[in-house]
Amino acid sequence: MPFDLPFWPTVSVLMFLHCAIGLSAAVLARQKGLDFQSWLVKGLIGGTVALIIVARTQSE
């Protein structure tokens, strides 16, 4: 590996950030009048991609 980082703490931090971004996508979707629960699932699976999609989605 090019960086000498411990594996599991690094994976844990990346997973936390992925889930936090997914939660941010769901909160943004709720503010735009979209379904929070479906966007939470999409956000937890898609992470950054879901956040970008919901940011580009028009408000209802």
N, C-alpha and C. Protein backbone atom coordinates (compact mmCIF):
# COMPACT_ATOMS: atom_id res chain seq x y z
N MET A 1 0.84 -1.19 0.00
CA MET A 1 0.00 0.00 0.00
C MET A 1 0.89 1.25 0.00
N PRO A 2 0.46 2.27 -0.71
CA PRO A 2 1.29 3.47 -0.75
C PRO A 2 1.31 4.24 0.57
N PHE A 3 0.25 4.10 1.35
CA PHE A 3 0.20 4.77 2.65
C PHE A 3 0.30 3.71 3.72
N ASP A 4 0.92 4.04 4.81
CA ASP A 4 1.10 3.06 5.88
C ASP A 4 0.03 3.27 6.95
N LEU A 5 -1.27 3.16 6.55
CA LEU A 5 -2.37 3.36 7.47
C LEU A 5 -2.91 2.01 7.95
N PRO A 6 -3.36 1.93 9.19
CA PRO A 6 -3.96 0.68 9.66
C PRO A 6 -5.28 0.44 8.92
N PHE A 7 -5.54 -0.80 8.56
CA PHE A 7 -6.67 -1.13 7.69
C PHE A 7 -8.02 -0.87 8.33
N TRP A 8 -8.33 -1.50 9.46
CA TRP A 8 -9.68 -1.42 10.03
C TRP A 8 -10.08 -0.03 10.50
N PRO A 9 -9.22 0.73 11.15
CA PRO A 9 -9.64 2.10 11.49
C PRO A 9 -9.92 2.95 10.24
N THR A 10 -9.15 2.75 9.20
CA THR A 10 -9.37 3.49 7.97
C THR A 10 -10.71 3.13 7.35
N VAL A 11 -11.01 1.84 7.29
CA VAL A 11 -12.29 1.38 6.74
C VAL A 11 -13.44 1.90 7.60
N SER A 12 -13.27 1.89 8.90
CA SER A 12 -14.33 2.37 9.80
C SER A 12 -14.62 3.86 9.57
N VAL A 13 -13.59 4.65 9.41
CA VAL A 13 -13.79 6.09 9.17
C VAL A 13 -14.46 6.30 7.82
N LEU A 14 -14.04 5.58 6.80
CA LEU A 14 -14.65 5.73 5.48
C LEU A 14 -16.11 5.30 5.49
N MET A 15 -16.44 4.23 6.20
CA MET A 15 -17.83 3.78 6.30
C MET A 15 -18.67 4.81 7.05
N PHE A 16 -18.14 5.39 8.10
CA PHE A 16 -18.86 6.43 8.84
C PHE A 16 -19.14 7.63 7.94
N LEU A 17 -18.14 8.07 7.19
CA LEU A 17 -18.33 9.21 6.30
C LEU A 17 -19.34 8.90 5.21
N HIS A 18 -19.32 7.68 4.68
CA HIS A 18 -20.28 7.25 3.67
C HIS A 18 -21.71 7.33 4.22
N CYS A 19 -21.91 6.83 5.44
CA CYS A 19 -23.23 6.86 6.05
C CYS A 19 -23.65 8.28 6.41
N ALA A 20 -22.73 9.11 6.83
CA ALA A 20 -23.06 10.50 7.15
C ALA A 20 -23.47 11.26 5.89
N ILE A 21 -22.82 10.99 4.78
CA ILE A 21 -23.21 11.61 3.51
C ILE A 21 -24.58 11.10 3.08
N GLY A 22 -24.84 9.82 3.30
CA GLY A 22 -26.16 9.26 2.98
C GLY A 22 -27.25 9.89 3.82
N LEU A 23 -26.98 10.11 5.08
CA LEU A 23 -27.95 10.77 5.95
C LEU A 23 -28.16 12.22 5.51
N SER A 24 -27.11 12.88 5.09
CA SER A 24 -27.23 14.25 4.58
C SER A 24 -28.12 14.29 3.34
N ALA A 25 -28.00 13.29 2.49
CA ALA A 25 -28.85 13.22 1.29
C ALA A 25 -30.31 13.08 1.69
N ALA A 26 -30.60 12.26 2.69
CA ALA A 26 -31.98 12.07 3.14
C ALA A 26 -32.54 13.33 3.77
N VAL A 27 -31.74 14.04 4.54
CA VAL A 27 -32.20 15.29 5.17
C VAL A 27 -32.47 16.34 4.09
N LEU A 28 -31.59 16.44 3.12
CA LEU A 28 -31.80 17.38 2.02
C LEU A 28 -33.06 17.03 1.24
N ALA A 29 -33.29 15.74 1.02
CA ALA A 29 -34.50 15.30 0.32
C ALA A 29 -35.74 15.69 1.10
N ARG A 30 -35.72 15.53 2.42
CA ARG A 30 -36.87 15.91 3.24
C ARG A 30 -37.12 17.41 3.15
N GLN A 31 -36.07 18.20 3.13
CA GLN A 31 -36.22 19.65 3.01
C GLN A 31 -36.81 20.04 1.65
N LYS A 32 -36.59 19.21 0.65
CA LYS A 32 -37.14 19.48 -0.68
C LYS A 32 -38.54 18.87 -0.85
N GLY A 33 -39.07 18.24 0.19
CA GLY A 33 -40.40 17.67 0.12
C GLY A 33 -40.45 16.25 -0.42
N LEU A 34 -39.31 15.57 -0.47
CA LEU A 34 -39.26 14.20 -0.95
C LEU A 34 -39.34 13.23 0.22
N ASP A 35 -39.53 11.95 -0.08
CA ASP A 35 -39.68 10.93 0.96
C ASP A 35 -38.35 10.67 1.68
N PHE A 36 -38.35 10.92 2.99
CA PHE A 36 -37.13 10.78 3.78
C PHE A 36 -36.65 9.33 3.82
N GLN A 37 -37.56 8.39 4.06
CA GLN A 37 -37.15 6.99 4.24
C GLN A 37 -36.55 6.40 2.97
N SER A 38 -37.16 6.66 1.84
CA SER A 38 -36.60 6.09 0.61
C SER A 38 -35.25 6.72 0.29
N TRP A 39 -35.11 8.02 0.57
CA TRP A 39 -33.83 8.66 0.31
C TRP A 39 -32.78 8.26 1.33
N LEU A 40 -33.21 7.87 2.52
CA LEU A 40 -32.25 7.36 3.50
C LEU A 40 -31.65 6.05 3.01
N VAL A 41 -32.49 5.17 2.50
CA VAL A 41 -32.00 3.90 1.96
C VAL A 41 -31.08 4.15 0.77
N LYS A 42 -31.54 5.01 -0.15
CA LYS A 42 -30.71 5.34 -1.31
C LYS A 42 -29.39 5.98 -0.89
N GLY A 43 -29.45 6.84 0.12
CA GLY A 43 -28.25 7.51 0.58
C GLY A 43 -27.27 6.58 1.26
N LEU A 44 -27.79 5.64 2.05
CA LEU A 44 -26.90 4.70 2.73
C LEU A 44 -26.25 3.73 1.74
N ILE A 45 -26.94 3.47 0.64
CA ILE A 45 -26.36 2.60 -0.39
C ILE A 45 -25.45 3.40 -1.31
N GLY A 46 -25.93 4.57 -1.74
CA GLY A 46 -25.22 5.32 -2.77
C GLY A 46 -24.23 6.35 -2.28
N GLY A 47 -24.42 6.83 -1.05
CA GLY A 47 -23.48 7.81 -0.49
C GLY A 47 -23.41 9.10 -1.27
N THR A 48 -22.23 9.42 -1.77
CA THR A 48 -21.99 10.69 -2.46
C THR A 48 -22.85 10.81 -3.72
N VAL A 49 -23.04 9.72 -4.43
CA VAL A 49 -23.85 9.76 -5.65
C VAL A 49 -25.29 10.16 -5.32
N ALA A 50 -25.84 9.61 -4.24
CA ALA A 50 -27.20 9.97 -3.84
C ALA A 50 -27.29 11.43 -3.43
N LEU A 51 -26.28 11.93 -2.76
CA LEU A 51 -26.27 13.35 -2.37
C LEU A 51 -26.26 14.26 -3.60
N ILE A 52 -25.49 13.91 -4.60
CA ILE A 52 -25.43 14.70 -5.83
C ILE A 52 -26.78 14.66 -6.55
N ILE A 53 -27.39 13.48 -6.61
CA ILE A 53 -28.68 13.34 -7.30
C ILE A 53 -29.75 14.15 -6.60
N VAL A 54 -29.85 14.05 -5.28
CA VAL A 54 -30.89 14.79 -4.57
C VAL A 54 -30.62 16.29 -4.61
N ALA A 55 -29.39 16.69 -4.68
CA ALA A 55 -29.07 18.12 -4.77
C ALA A 55 -29.52 18.68 -6.12
N ARG A 56 -29.50 17.87 -7.15
CA ARG A 56 -29.91 18.31 -8.49
C ARG A 56 -31.42 18.15 -8.72
N THR A 57 -32.12 17.44 -7.82
CA THR A 57 -33.55 17.21 -7.97
C THR A 57 -34.33 18.48 -7.59
N GLN A 58 -35.37 18.74 -8.38
CA GLN A 58 -36.22 19.89 -8.12
C GLN A 58 -37.09 19.65 -6.89
N SER A 59 -37.42 20.70 -6.15
CA SER A 59 -38.31 20.60 -5.00
C SER A 59 -39.73 20.33 -5.48
N GLU A 60 -40.48 19.61 -4.66
CA GLU A 60 -41.89 19.35 -4.99
C GLU A 60 -42.76 20.44 -4.46
